[in-house]
């Protein structure tokens, strides 16, 4: 089945913050018992989780930062950048 594709654009900071969020929740999900897996993100339907996994995979294939030795610092800088843009501080 051929899928229609949608392209989205994110700032570098948004992409890195979103990647870290999805990676962290994917790790949490792997450690939870089977029946509790969907409660962490308040997923209403499994399709939402599958779509988030798709975004996570696309970011993982695109970003180079997750492989950097200073990844934690890069994530903090990206978080700060996003907060400043949205909160103004």
C-alpha atoms as a PDB file:
ATOM      1  CA  UNK A   1       0.000   0.000   0.000  1.00  0.00           C
ATOM      2  CA  UNK A   2       1.425   3.371  -0.987  1.00  0.00           C
ATOM      3  CA  UNK A   3       1.223   6.024   1.711  1.00  0.00           C
ATOM      4  CA  UNK A   4       0.644   9.716   1.170  1.00  0.00           C
ATOM      5  CA  UNK A   5       3.417  11.565   2.988  1.00  0.00           C
ATOM      6  CA  UNK A   6       3.238  14.774   5.006  1.00  0.00           C
ATOM      7  CA  UNK A   7       6.343  16.860   5.623  1.00  0.00           C
ATOM      8  CA  UNK A   8       6.756  18.965   8.723  1.00  0.00           C
ATOM      9  CA  UNK A   9       9.449  21.453   9.566  1.00  0.00           C
ATOM     10  CA  UNK A  10      10.918  21.850  13.030  1.00  0.00           C
ATOM     11  CA  UNK A  11      13.681  24.053  14.307  1.00  0.00           C
ATOM     12  CA  UNK A  12      16.863  22.189  15.206  1.00  0.00           C
ATOM     13  CA  UNK A  13      16.101  22.834  18.886  1.00  0.00           C
ATOM     14  CA  UNK A  14      12.513  21.558  18.619  1.00  0.00           C
ATOM     15  CA  UNK A  15      13.690  18.442  16.794  1.00  0.00           C
ATOM     16  CA  UNK A  16      16.296  17.627  19.435  1.00  0.00           C
ATOM     17  CA  UNK A  17      13.930  18.283  22.362  1.00  0.00           C
ATOM     18  CA  UNK A  18      11.248  16.129  20.745  1.00  0.00           C
ATOM     19  CA  UNK A  19      13.760  13.377  19.992  1.00  0.00           C
ATOM     20  CA  UNK A  20      14.929  13.279  23.622  1.00  0.00           C
ATOM     21  CA  UNK A  21      11.321  13.206  24.867  1.00  0.00           C
ATOM     22  CA  UNK A  22      10.393  10.334  22.551  1.00  0.00           C
ATOM     23  CA  UNK A  23      13.597   8.405  23.257  1.00  0.00           C
ATOM     24  CA  UNK A  24      13.101   8.739  27.023  1.00  0.00           C
ATOM     25  CA  UNK A  25       9.488   7.568  26.818  1.00  0.00           C
ATOM     26  CA  UNK A  26      10.428   4.706  24.520  1.00  0.00           C
ATOM     27  CA  UNK A  27      12.979   3.573  27.128  1.00  0.00           C
ATOM     28  CA  UNK A  28      10.384   3.881  29.911  1.00  0.00           C
ATOM     29  CA  UNK A  29       7.863   1.925  27.854  1.00  0.00           C
ATOM     30  CA  UNK A  30      10.326  -0.943  27.403  1.00  0.00           C
ATOM     31  CA  UNK A  31      10.761  -1.264  31.188  1.00  0.00           C
ATOM     32  CA  UNK A  32       7.071  -1.257  32.132  1.00  0.00           C
ATOM     33  CA  UNK A  33       4.918  -4.365  32.443  1.00  0.00           C
ATOM     34  CA  UNK A  34       2.844  -5.043  29.329  1.00  0.00           C
ATOM     35  CA  UNK A  35      -0.448  -3.831  30.806  1.00  0.00           C
ATOM     36  CA  UNK A  36       0.973  -0.491  31.924  1.00  0.00           C
ATOM     37  CA  UNK A  37       2.720   0.554  28.745  1.00  0.00           C
ATOM     38  CA  UNK A  38       0.187   3.050  27.455  1.00  0.00           C
ATOM     39  CA  UNK A  39      -0.301   4.990  30.693  1.00  0.00           C
ATOM     40  CA  UNK A  40       2.888   7.066  30.623  1.00  0.00           C
ATOM     41  CA  UNK A  41       1.877   9.319  27.731  1.00  0.00           C
ATOM     42  CA  UNK A  42      -1.883   9.002  28.194  1.00  0.00           C
ATOM     43  CA  UNK A  43      -2.238   7.401  24.795  1.00  0.00           C
ATOM     44  CA  UNK A  44      -5.887   7.059  23.810  1.00  0.00           C
ATOM     45  CA  UNK A  45      -5.262   4.584  20.997  1.00  0.00           C
ATOM     46  CA  UNK A  46      -2.291   2.460  19.944  1.00  0.00           C
ATOM     47  CA  UNK A  47      -2.218   4.263  16.594  1.00  0.00           C
ATOM     48  CA  UNK A  48      -1.061   7.417  18.417  1.00  0.00           C
ATOM     49  CA  UNK A  49       1.861   5.500  19.890  1.00  0.00           C
ATOM     50  CA  UNK A  50       2.774   4.020  16.511  1.00  0.00           C
ATOM     51  CA  UNK A  51       2.743   7.495  14.952  1.00  0.00           C
ATOM     52  CA  UNK A  52       4.997   8.820  17.736  1.00  0.00           C
ATOM     53  CA  UNK A  53       7.388   5.929  17.082  1.00  0.00           C
ATOM     54  CA  UNK A  54       7.420   6.916  13.411  1.00  0.00           C
ATOM     55  CA  UNK A  55       8.370  10.506  14.308  1.00  0.00           C
ATOM     56  CA  UNK A  56      11.035   9.223  16.717  1.00  0.00           C
ATOM     57  CA  UNK A  57      12.513   6.995  14.006  1.00  0.00           C
ATOM     58  CA  UNK A  58      12.534   9.821  11.471  1.00  0.00           C
ATOM     59  CA  UNK A  59      14.301  12.115  13.940  1.00  0.00           C
ATOM     60  CA  UNK A  60      16.784   9.376  14.804  1.00  0.00           C
ATOM     61  CA  UNK A  61      17.687   9.030  11.113  1.00  0.00           C
ATOM     62  CA  UNK A  62      18.010  12.799  10.686  1.00  0.00           C
ATOM     63  CA  UNK A  63      19.764  14.113  13.798  1.00  0.00           C
ATOM     64  CA  UNK A  64      23.482  13.783  14.441  1.00  0.00           C
ATOM     65  CA  UNK A  65      23.329  15.150  18.004  1.00  0.00           C
ATOM     66  CA  UNK A  66      22.286  11.859  19.671  1.00  0.00           C
ATOM     67  CA  UNK A  67      25.692  10.455  18.710  1.00  0.00           C
ATOM     68  CA  UNK A  68      27.685  13.412  20.062  1.00  0.00           C
ATOM     69  CA  UNK A  69      29.755  13.061  23.204  1.00  0.00           C
ATOM     70  CA  UNK A  70      28.181  16.274  24.536  1.00  0.00           C
ATOM     71  CA  UNK A  71      24.612  15.113  23.843  1.00  0.00           C
ATOM     72  CA  UNK A  72      23.282  16.035  27.308  1.00  0.00           C
ATOM     73  CA  UNK A  73      24.596  19.582  26.960  1.00  0.00           C
ATOM     74  CA  UNK A  74      23.142  19.876  23.464  1.00  0.00           C
ATOM     75  CA  UNK A  75      19.732  18.761  24.757  1.00  0.00           C
ATOM     76  CA  UNK A  76      19.848  21.314  27.588  1.00  0.00           C
ATOM     77  CA  UNK A  77      20.800  24.076  25.145  1.00  0.00           C
ATOM     78  CA  UNK A  78      17.956  23.048  22.833  1.00  0.00           C
ATOM     79  CA  UNK A  79      15.466  22.960  25.720  1.00  0.00           C
ATOM     80  CA  UNK A  80      16.566  26.424  26.805  1.00  0.00           C
ATOM     81  CA  UNK A  81      16.206  27.721  23.241  1.00  0.00           C
ATOM     82  CA  UNK A  82      12.662  26.348  22.939  1.00  0.00           C
ATOM     83  CA  UNK A  83      11.661  27.716  26.366  1.00  0.00           C
ATOM     84  CA  UNK A  84      13.015  31.171  25.521  1.00  0.00           C
ATOM     85  CA  UNK A  85      11.136  31.195  22.231  1.00  0.00           C
ATOM     86  CA  UNK A  86       7.837  30.159  23.854  1.00  0.00           C
ATOM     87  CA  UNK A  87       8.097  31.616  27.362  1.00  0.00           C
ATOM     88  CA  UNK A  88      10.209  34.628  26.566  1.00  0.00           C
ATOM     89  CA  UNK A  89      12.672  33.797  29.342  1.00  0.00           C
END
